[in-house]
Structures are given as structure tokens and as C-alpha cells.
Protein backbone atom coordinates (compact mmCIF):
# COMPACT_ATOMS: atom_id res chain seq x y z
CA MET A 1 28.92 0.20 6.87
CA ARG A 2 26.38 1.68 4.31
CA TRP A 3 29.49 2.63 2.19
CA LEU A 4 29.77 -1.51 1.48
CA LEU A 5 26.85 -0.19 -0.81
CA LEU A 6 28.29 2.43 -2.58
CA PRO A 7 29.79 -0.46 -5.57
CA PHE A 8 26.33 -1.41 -5.92
CA SER A 9 24.69 2.07 -6.47
CA ILE A 10 27.09 3.24 -8.97
CA LEU A 11 26.10 -0.52 -11.12
CA TYR A 12 22.89 0.79 -10.79
CA GLN A 13 23.41 3.95 -11.68
CA ILE A 14 25.29 2.93 -14.79
CA ILE A 15 22.11 0.57 -16.35
CA THR A 16 19.77 2.94 -15.61
CA TRP A 17 21.50 5.40 -17.47
CA PHE A 18 21.96 3.12 -20.09
CA ARG A 19 18.27 2.36 -20.73
CA ASN A 20 17.99 6.09 -20.68
CA PHE A 21 20.08 6.72 -23.42
CA LEU A 22 18.79 4.07 -25.42
CA TYR A 23 14.91 5.19 -24.60
CA ASP A 24 15.94 9.16 -25.30
CA ASN A 25 18.10 8.28 -28.62
CA GLU A 26 14.89 5.86 -29.92
CA ILE A 27 16.69 3.29 -30.25
CA LEU A 28 14.30 1.86 -27.42
CA LYS A 29 10.75 2.82 -28.49
CA SER A 30 7.93 4.43 -26.89
CA LYS A 31 4.05 4.07 -27.50
CA GLU A 32 1.94 7.60 -27.39
CA PHE A 33 -1.49 7.46 -27.56
CA ASP A 34 -4.28 9.46 -29.15
CA ILE A 35 -5.97 10.59 -25.87
CA SER A 36 -4.13 12.66 -22.62
CA VAL A 37 -2.17 10.00 -20.58
CA ILE A 38 -0.97 12.15 -17.57
CA SER A 39 1.57 10.65 -15.38
CA ILE A 40 2.22 10.98 -11.77
CA GLY A 41 5.23 9.33 -10.29
CA ASN A 42 9.03 10.78 -8.78
CA LEU A 43 12.59 9.76 -8.88
CA THR A 44 13.07 8.19 -5.50
CA VAL A 45 11.39 5.16 -3.86
CA GLY A 46 7.96 5.91 -2.45
CA GLY A 47 7.17 8.12 0.10
CA THR A 48 6.51 11.15 -2.35
CA GLY A 49 2.53 11.09 -1.79
CA LYS A 50 1.78 9.78 -5.31
CA THR A 51 -1.91 8.42 -4.13
CA PRO A 52 -3.04 11.54 -2.96
CA HIS A 53 -1.89 13.51 -5.38
CA THR A 54 -3.86 11.49 -7.78
CA GLU A 55 -6.74 11.70 -5.97
CA TYR A 56 -6.89 15.32 -6.05
CA LEU A 57 -7.10 14.58 -9.81
CA ILE A 58 -10.02 12.06 -9.92
CA ARG A 59 -11.52 14.95 -7.73
CA LEU A 60 -11.01 17.88 -10.83
CA PHE A 61 -11.14 15.46 -13.78
CA SER A 62 -14.09 13.02 -12.63
CA SER A 63 -17.25 15.61 -13.45
CA ILE A 64 -14.97 17.21 -16.67
CA PHE A 65 -13.60 14.16 -18.45
CA ASN A 66 -14.26 10.86 -18.80
CA ILE A 67 -11.34 9.44 -17.02
CA ALA A 68 -9.47 6.39 -15.70
CA ILE A 69 -6.92 5.10 -13.67
CA LEU A 70 -3.88 2.90 -14.56
CA SER A 71 -1.79 1.51 -11.59
CA ARG A 72 0.90 -1.43 -11.57
CA GLY A 73 -0.94 -2.61 -8.28
CA TYR A 74 2.37 -2.65 -6.77
CA LYS A 75 2.26 -6.16 -4.05
CA ARG A 76 -0.71 -7.64 -5.52
CA LYS A 77 -0.73 -11.06 -5.61
CA THR A 78 -2.23 -11.74 -9.40
CA LYS A 79 -1.04 -10.97 -12.73
CA GLY A 80 -1.69 -9.39 -15.96
CA PHE A 81 -4.66 -7.08 -16.63
CA ILE A 82 -7.20 -6.37 -13.73
CA LEU A 83 -10.51 -4.10 -14.05
CA VAL A 84 -11.04 -3.49 -10.30
CA ASN A 85 -14.29 -3.59 -9.13
CA SER A 86 -15.83 -3.43 -5.67
CA LYS A 87 -15.25 -6.98 -5.43
CA SER A 88 -11.23 -6.90 -5.98
CA THR A 89 -9.62 -7.46 -2.77
CA TYR A 90 -6.59 -5.58 -1.83
CA GLU A 91 -4.66 -8.94 -2.82
CA ASP A 92 -6.25 -8.84 -5.96
CA ILE A 93 -5.09 -5.13 -6.86
CA GLY A 94 -2.66 -3.84 -4.76
CA ASP A 95 -3.72 -1.35 -1.16
CA GLU A 96 -3.42 1.95 -3.15
CA PRO A 97 -5.92 0.96 -5.97
CA LYS A 98 -8.26 -0.80 -3.56
CA GLN A 99 -8.29 2.31 -1.51
CA MET A 100 -8.99 4.52 -4.65
CA GLN A 101 -11.94 2.11 -5.64
CA MET A 102 -13.58 2.49 -2.46
CA LYS A 103 -13.47 6.34 -1.99
CA PHE A 104 -13.81 6.82 -5.84
CA PRO A 105 -16.29 4.08 -6.69
CA LYS A 106 -17.60 5.24 -10.21
CA VAL A 107 -14.33 5.93 -11.85
CA LYS A 108 -12.45 3.20 -14.08
CA ILE A 109 -9.37 1.95 -12.39
CA ALA A 110 -7.38 -0.47 -13.72
CA VAL A 111 -3.44 -2.86 -12.69
CA CYS A 112 -1.36 -3.79 -15.02
CA ARG A 113 2.31 -4.13 -14.88
CA LYS A 114 2.60 -3.92 -18.31
CA ARG A 115 1.19 0.11 -18.64
CA THR A 116 1.14 0.29 -22.51
CA GLU A 117 -1.09 -3.27 -22.54
CA GLY A 118 -2.91 -1.91 -19.72
CA VAL A 119 -3.83 1.90 -21.99
CA THR A 120 -4.83 -0.43 -24.79
CA LYS A 121 -7.19 -2.55 -22.76
CA LEU A 122 -8.70 0.72 -21.33
CA LEU A 123 -9.73 1.86 -24.35
CA ASN A 124 -10.95 -1.28 -25.77
CA TYR A 125 -13.03 -1.43 -23.00
CA ASP A 126 -14.32 2.14 -23.31
CA LYS A 127 -13.61 3.96 -25.98
CA ASN A 128 -14.66 7.67 -24.84
CA ILE A 129 -12.27 7.44 -22.34
CA SER A 130 -10.21 10.88 -22.64
CA THR A 131 -7.74 10.82 -20.07
CA VAL A 132 -5.61 8.23 -18.57
CA ILE A 133 -3.98 9.04 -15.53
CA LEU A 134 -0.96 6.70 -15.15
CA ASP A 135 -0.27 6.44 -11.70
CA ASP A 136 3.71 5.81 -10.38
CA ALA A 137 5.10 5.28 -14.24
CA HIS A 138 7.88 8.23 -14.51
CA GLN A 139 10.30 5.21 -15.34
CA HIS A 140 8.03 3.49 -17.76
CA ARG A 141 9.70 4.28 -20.98
CA LYS A 142 7.32 2.38 -23.05
CA ILE A 143 4.63 5.16 -23.31
CA THR A 144 5.29 8.38 -23.77
CA PRO A 145 2.76 10.52 -21.61
CA SER A 146 1.61 13.59 -23.32
CA LEU A 147 2.09 15.15 -19.84
CA MET A 148 4.03 14.27 -16.72
CA ILE A 149 3.93 15.33 -13.21
CA LEU A 150 6.67 14.79 -10.95
CA LEU A 151 6.74 14.80 -7.30
CA THR A 152 9.78 15.28 -5.08
CA ASP A 153 9.49 15.06 -0.64
CA TYR A 154 10.42 18.53 0.59
CA ASN A 155 12.60 16.79 3.67
CA ASN A 156 14.22 14.67 0.46
CA LEU A 157 14.42 16.71 -2.31
CA PHE A 158 15.85 14.56 -5.05
CA TYR A 159 18.72 16.24 -6.24
CA ASN A 160 20.35 15.65 -3.00
CA ASP A 161 20.17 12.54 -2.86
CA SER A 162 22.06 9.10 -4.37
CA PHE A 163 21.05 5.80 -6.24
CA MET A 164 19.65 3.07 -4.48
CA PRO A 165 20.65 1.01 -2.71
CA TYR A 166 22.72 3.20 -0.77
CA GLY A 167 20.05 6.00 -1.33
CA LYS A 168 16.83 6.42 -2.73
CA LEU A 169 16.87 7.78 -6.11
CA ARG A 170 15.98 5.18 -8.68
CA ASP A 171 16.20 7.16 -11.82
CA ASN A 172 19.08 9.74 -13.05
CA ILE A 173 18.72 12.97 -11.55
CA SER A 174 18.78 14.11 -15.49
CA GLN A 175 15.17 12.61 -15.64
CA TYR A 176 13.40 15.92 -13.99
CA LYS A 177 13.96 17.42 -17.46
CA ARG A 178 11.22 15.29 -18.83
CA ALA A 179 8.73 16.43 -16.04
CA ASN A 180 6.52 19.16 -17.40
CA ILE A 181 5.12 19.88 -14.13
CA ILE A 182 7.02 19.46 -10.80
CA ILE A 183 5.36 19.49 -7.17
CA ILE A 184 6.95 19.58 -4.08
CA THR A 185 5.58 17.73 -1.64
CA LYS A 186 5.00 17.35 2.07
CA CYS A 187 5.67 21.22 2.70
CA PRO A 188 5.40 22.58 6.04
CA LEU A 189 2.49 25.03 6.23
CA GLY A 190 5.02 28.17 7.07
CA LEU A 191 7.58 27.34 4.41
CA LYS A 192 8.33 30.85 3.33
CA PRO A 193 8.62 32.69 0.02
CA ILE A 194 12.24 32.91 0.22
CA GLU A 195 12.38 28.90 0.53
CA ARG A 196 9.94 28.48 -2.53
CA ARG A 197 12.76 30.75 -4.47
CA ILE A 198 16.06 28.80 -3.40
CA ILE A 199 14.49 25.35 -3.84
CA ALA A 200 13.09 26.59 -7.59
CA GLN A 201 16.47 27.91 -8.02
CA ASP A 202 18.14 25.15 -7.00
CA LEU A 203 16.15 22.24 -9.62
CA ASN A 204 17.25 24.66 -12.37
CA LEU A 205 13.71 24.29 -14.37
CA MET A 206 13.17 24.43 -17.95
CA PRO A 207 11.59 27.47 -19.66
CA TYR A 208 8.60 24.47 -20.31
CA GLN A 209 8.32 23.58 -16.66
CA THR A 210 6.11 24.93 -13.84
CA ILE A 211 6.69 24.19 -9.74
CA PHE A 212 3.91 23.92 -7.33
CA PHE A 213 4.40 23.21 -3.53
CA THR A 214 1.73 21.47 -1.80
CA TYR A 215 1.06 20.12 2.08
CA ILE A 216 -0.88 17.33 3.27
CA LYS A 217 -4.32 18.16 5.05
CA TYR A 218 -5.58 15.51 7.56
CA GLY A 219 -9.20 14.85 7.89
CA LYS A 220 -11.09 14.12 10.66
CA ILE A 221 -10.07 10.60 12.23
CA LYS A 222 -13.02 7.90 11.46
CA HIS A 223 -13.35 4.25 12.34
CA ILE A 224 -11.93 1.77 9.73
CA LYS A 225 -15.38 0.05 9.98
CA LYS A 226 -18.36 1.88 11.45
CA SER A 227 -19.87 5.02 10.53
CA LYS A 228 -18.60 7.29 13.91
CA ARG A 229 -15.70 9.48 14.90
CA ALA A 230 -12.67 9.79 17.21
CA LYS A 231 -12.42 12.34 20.13
CA VAL A 232 -8.81 12.47 20.56
CA ASN A 233 -7.43 14.84 23.13
CA SER A 234 -4.17 15.44 25.61
CA LYS A 235 -4.86 12.27 28.15
CA THR A 236 -5.87 9.81 25.26
CA LYS A 237 -2.93 7.04 24.56
CA ILE A 238 -2.40 6.44 20.81
CA LEU A 239 -1.38 3.25 19.66
CA LEU A 240 -0.48 4.49 16.17
CA ILE A 241 0.33 1.52 13.45
CA THR A 242 1.97 2.12 9.81
CA GLY A 243 3.10 0.47 7.38
CA ILE A 244 4.44 3.71 5.06
CA ALA A 245 7.37 5.04 3.30
CA ASN A 246 7.57 7.72 6.03
CA ALA A 247 5.33 7.88 8.83
CA LYS A 248 6.87 11.01 10.72
CA PRO A 249 4.85 14.05 9.26
CA LEU A 250 1.84 11.62 10.99
CA VAL A 251 3.64 11.55 13.60
CA GLU A 252 4.42 15.16 14.16
CA TYR A 253 0.53 15.76 13.72
CA LEU A 254 -0.27 13.38 16.37
CA GLU A 255 1.92 14.76 18.75
CA LYS A 256 -0.11 18.36 18.22
CA THR A 257 -2.89 17.25 20.49
CA THR A 258 -1.25 14.36 22.47
CA LYS A 259 2.67 13.30 23.70
CA ASN A 260 0.99 9.93 24.52
CA ILE A 261 1.93 7.76 21.22
CA ILE A 262 3.02 4.00 21.11
CA HIS A 263 4.11 3.61 17.74
CA ILE A 264 4.58 0.33 15.65
CA ASN A 265 6.34 1.15 12.60
CA PHE A 266 6.15 -1.54 9.75
CA PRO A 267 7.65 -1.22 5.92
CA ASP A 268 6.06 -0.01 3.37
CA HIS A 269 2.93 -1.76 1.95
CA PHE A 270 3.15 -4.61 5.07
CA SER A 271 0.98 -7.54 4.62
CA PHE A 272 -0.16 -7.31 8.22
CA ASN A 273 0.51 -11.47 9.03
CA LYS A 274 -0.07 -13.62 12.49
CA LYS A 275 2.59 -12.53 14.38
CA SER A 276 2.42 -8.71 13.30
CA ILE A 277 -1.56 -8.30 14.40
CA GLU A 278 -0.35 -10.47 17.56
CA LYS A 279 2.00 -7.61 18.62
CA ILE A 280 -1.15 -4.81 17.81
CA ASN A 281 -3.32 -7.04 20.17
CA THR A 282 -0.97 -7.49 22.80
CA THR A 283 0.27 -3.99 23.08
CA PHE A 284 -2.91 -2.64 22.97
CA ASN A 285 -4.54 -4.53 25.34
CA LYS A 286 -1.17 -3.20 28.02
CA ILE A 287 -2.42 0.25 27.81
CA ASP A 288 -4.04 0.48 31.37
CA THR A 289 -6.06 3.15 30.33
CA GLU A 290 -10.17 3.51 29.42
CA ASP A 291 -9.42 6.28 27.07
CA LYS A 292 -6.70 4.70 24.59
CA ILE A 293 -6.78 4.64 20.78
CA ILE A 294 -5.96 2.61 17.28
CA ILE A 295 -4.91 5.08 14.83
CA THR A 296 -3.69 4.13 11.56
CA THR A 297 -3.66 5.44 7.78
CA GLU A 298 -5.48 5.65 4.90
CA LYS A 299 -3.81 2.74 2.95
CA ASP A 300 -3.15 0.55 6.08
CA ALA A 301 -6.81 0.93 6.77
CA VAL A 302 -7.49 -1.11 3.59
CA ARG A 303 -5.00 -4.20 4.82
CA LEU A 304 -5.92 -4.23 7.68
CA ARG A 305 -10.00 -3.83 7.42
CA ASN A 306 -11.16 -7.08 6.97
CA ASN A 307 -8.23 -9.00 9.01
CA ASN A 308 -9.34 -11.84 11.15
CA LEU A 309 -7.19 -11.84 13.58
CA LEU A 310 -7.61 -8.62 15.40
CA THR A 311 -9.82 -8.94 18.30
CA LEU A 312 -12.92 -7.74 18.80
CA GLU A 313 -11.80 -5.22 21.27
CA VAL A 314 -9.16 -4.00 19.09
CA SER A 315 -11.57 -4.21 16.27
CA ASN A 316 -13.56 -1.71 18.35
CA PHE A 317 -10.86 0.85 19.07
CA LEU A 318 -9.06 1.06 15.06
CA TYR A 319 -9.87 4.53 13.27
CA TYR A 320 -8.02 6.12 10.66
CA ILE A 321 -6.84 9.41 9.42
CA PRO A 322 -7.79 10.58 6.07
CA ILE A 323 -5.49 12.82 3.64
CA GLU A 324 -6.07 15.22 1.36
CA ILE A 325 -2.86 17.27 -0.31
CA ASP A 326 -3.65 21.15 -0.83
CA PHE A 327 -1.63 24.12 -2.45
CA LEU A 328 0.46 26.78 -1.00
CA PHE A 329 1.05 30.35 -2.09
CA GLN A 330 -2.56 30.82 -3.39
CA THR A 331 -1.53 28.53 -6.28
CA LYS A 332 -4.11 25.84 -6.26
CA ASN A 333 -6.15 27.46 -9.39
CA GLU A 334 -3.41 27.80 -11.23
CA PHE A 335 -2.48 24.23 -11.44
CA ASN A 336 -6.13 23.55 -11.59
CA ASN A 337 -6.40 25.66 -14.62
CA GLN A 338 -3.04 24.58 -16.51
CA ILE A 339 -4.20 20.99 -16.49
CA ILE A 340 -7.65 21.36 -17.68
CA ASN A 341 -6.85 23.38 -20.00
CA TYR A 342 -4.83 20.77 -21.11
CA VAL A 343 -6.51 18.15 -20.83
CA ARG A 344 -9.15 20.25 -23.04
CA LYS A 345 -7.03 21.20 -25.86
CA ASN A 346 -5.72 17.52 -26.37
CA LYS A 347 -9.21 16.32 -25.84
CA ALA A 348 -9.94 18.76 -28.61
CA ASN A 349 -6.82 17.50 -30.76
CA TYR A 350 -7.93 13.72 -30.37
CA ASP A 351 -11.90 14.36 -31.22
CA LEU A 352 -11.33 16.59 -34.68
CA ARG A 353 -8.58 13.40 -35.31
CA THR A 354 -11.37 11.06 -34.81
CA THR A 355 -13.86 12.97 -36.80
CA LYS A 356 -11.41 12.98 -39.28
CA ASN A 357 -10.86 9.62 -39.83
CA GLN A 358 -14.23 8.60 -40.19
CA PHE A 359 -14.75 10.52 -43.22
């Protein structure tokens, strides 16, 4: 039956190619800004780890530069430009921007579907912003980023994929050439140097491109509301709740501790409703041991934290696992230096232009 989707994939590929053709030949115009605009994106639908990589850049930049984050705010129930604050809900701004706001309350975060408008309004709000990070913006051609970071999942490399809806590609493979940095995400810790060389060779990198390999680091299990940790052992029964694009790495991580896992898997960015919460409540209550726990992802925790449909017992046993990314092959400093030096150089050029414009 999947082959029936192939004609739609071909049509989508043609439309996407034509759109890129218009921008590549400047028939449609892209806007450039004087500040550093860094795009983090991918060529496929979801699941490459954009949020933890964006959070990595926040940690890297926030003590050095005046930065802002601009996201589309996927699946939010509002429209237009919103400057995120502590009172913003995930319904207002989307689950990923809310997650970042909770972790980095001092960083300016905004959501706006029209990225050009979003960057302009951010700069009007704070003229001292030196860097804007565009989350999930590789396909957004109305802005020309000064630096582009392209992510691709080690388990689903974009050059082995097909166009939607037959596959997961949402842009032409050739568009990888627009990226300055390509990151292979969700790599196994034991990735061998020969595999690294094969992937780099298959990518056929341009002279201006560099490649890095990252993996997921799982943090200590935290309660969704309270400041307490959970202890999990081989006898613990876990009810795993996920609403993300690819839960396989998390399942494999938990299975290293216990095989007693009941997994309820919802679609990515799933909005937990009455029916789904009832399923969680019922499934957990049927687990016949006191040594049991509910674990969810950090992103799902944003959508579950204030859900009043959860029973008190279930809420008391509800935890999440925070994640970060780290670099393989001892390349973290190389990546950090490349990014920081780029922003510093761009900021110096911006400061120079600004000074000249004052006279």
C-alpha cells in the first residue's frame, strides 16, 4: 500500500524543487540581517534532535553574547508574534519553546510563523541582540541565515530517504549544500572512525562544510513537579509515555536497566486528551507491584505537567528524563570555537557598521 503514496511524493518533490529554484535564482528574494542569524534545521520531518542542539547553543552563547531564540511554535493555538514569558503556556507557544523557557528563563525566546517578521520584532524589542537562533528553519527561504546548521539522524540519514509522504524528506537532498555545518545526531557511543569516514564520504561535503557527530546524554530521572529523584532497578516496572517522533533510543536506554517496560506511544507533539489520560491512569493502576514508575520525555512532561485529568496517584509517580547532546571523537572544542569565532567576527562587523552609521 505504501507504493500508492509514491505519485504524491513525486509531485511534492517537483513543487519543492521549483520553490528552491525561484530562491536560488533570486526570482524570489531572501532578507539578510546585520546581526548573526543561525539556522538549525533538517531535511526530514522531525526526530533529529533540533531542540537539544538549540539548547546546547544557548548554553554556549548565553554568557558571552546577547542572544534570542525564534521558533515557529509548532502546534500552538495562537497566531502571530509572541514574546515568551513565564506565564506563557505550551498551548500559547508550543511545547518546545515552553521547554526552553523553563530551562533558560533569562533568554529571550519568541514564536512567529513568519520568521522575517519575528526577527524584526525581536530587534525592535532589544536593539542589542547580537545573535538570533532560528529553530527548525532550513526550509524557510525568506531569510538568508549567516550560518546554517543541518541535522540528520544517524539512524535515518537524509541521503538514504525519500520524499513525503512515501518517506520523510521535506526538502530536496541537494539543499544540504546550503549548510555550513552538518551534524550527524543520535549516534551510538561506539561509533567507529571508519563509519565516520564512510558517512563523510557519502555526504560528498563541500569545501566550506564541516561535519560533526553527536550523541544523546540522558540525565537523572526527575519528578515532573517535585524536587525528588527516582531510583530504578532491574525489578522496577516502567510505564513509558512518549509523544515524540522516535522513541526507540529512549526505550533502548531504559532497557539497559530493566526489561519490565510497558510503552504507550503517541504521535509527535501529541496533545493529551481525556481518552489518552484515561488510558495512562488505567494502565498504571493495573501494574501489580509497588515498585513501579511512569517515565516520560522532557518534551512530553511540558504537556503533562499541569494536566488535571491525571489522578493524584499517577501524578505522584510521574517522572521525566532530561537530555543533552555531546560530541564524539573529541570535537566539542572544535565545534565551540568555530561557532563562537563566527559570531564574534560577525558581531565585530555589525558593531563597525553601526558605529559608521552614527557619523
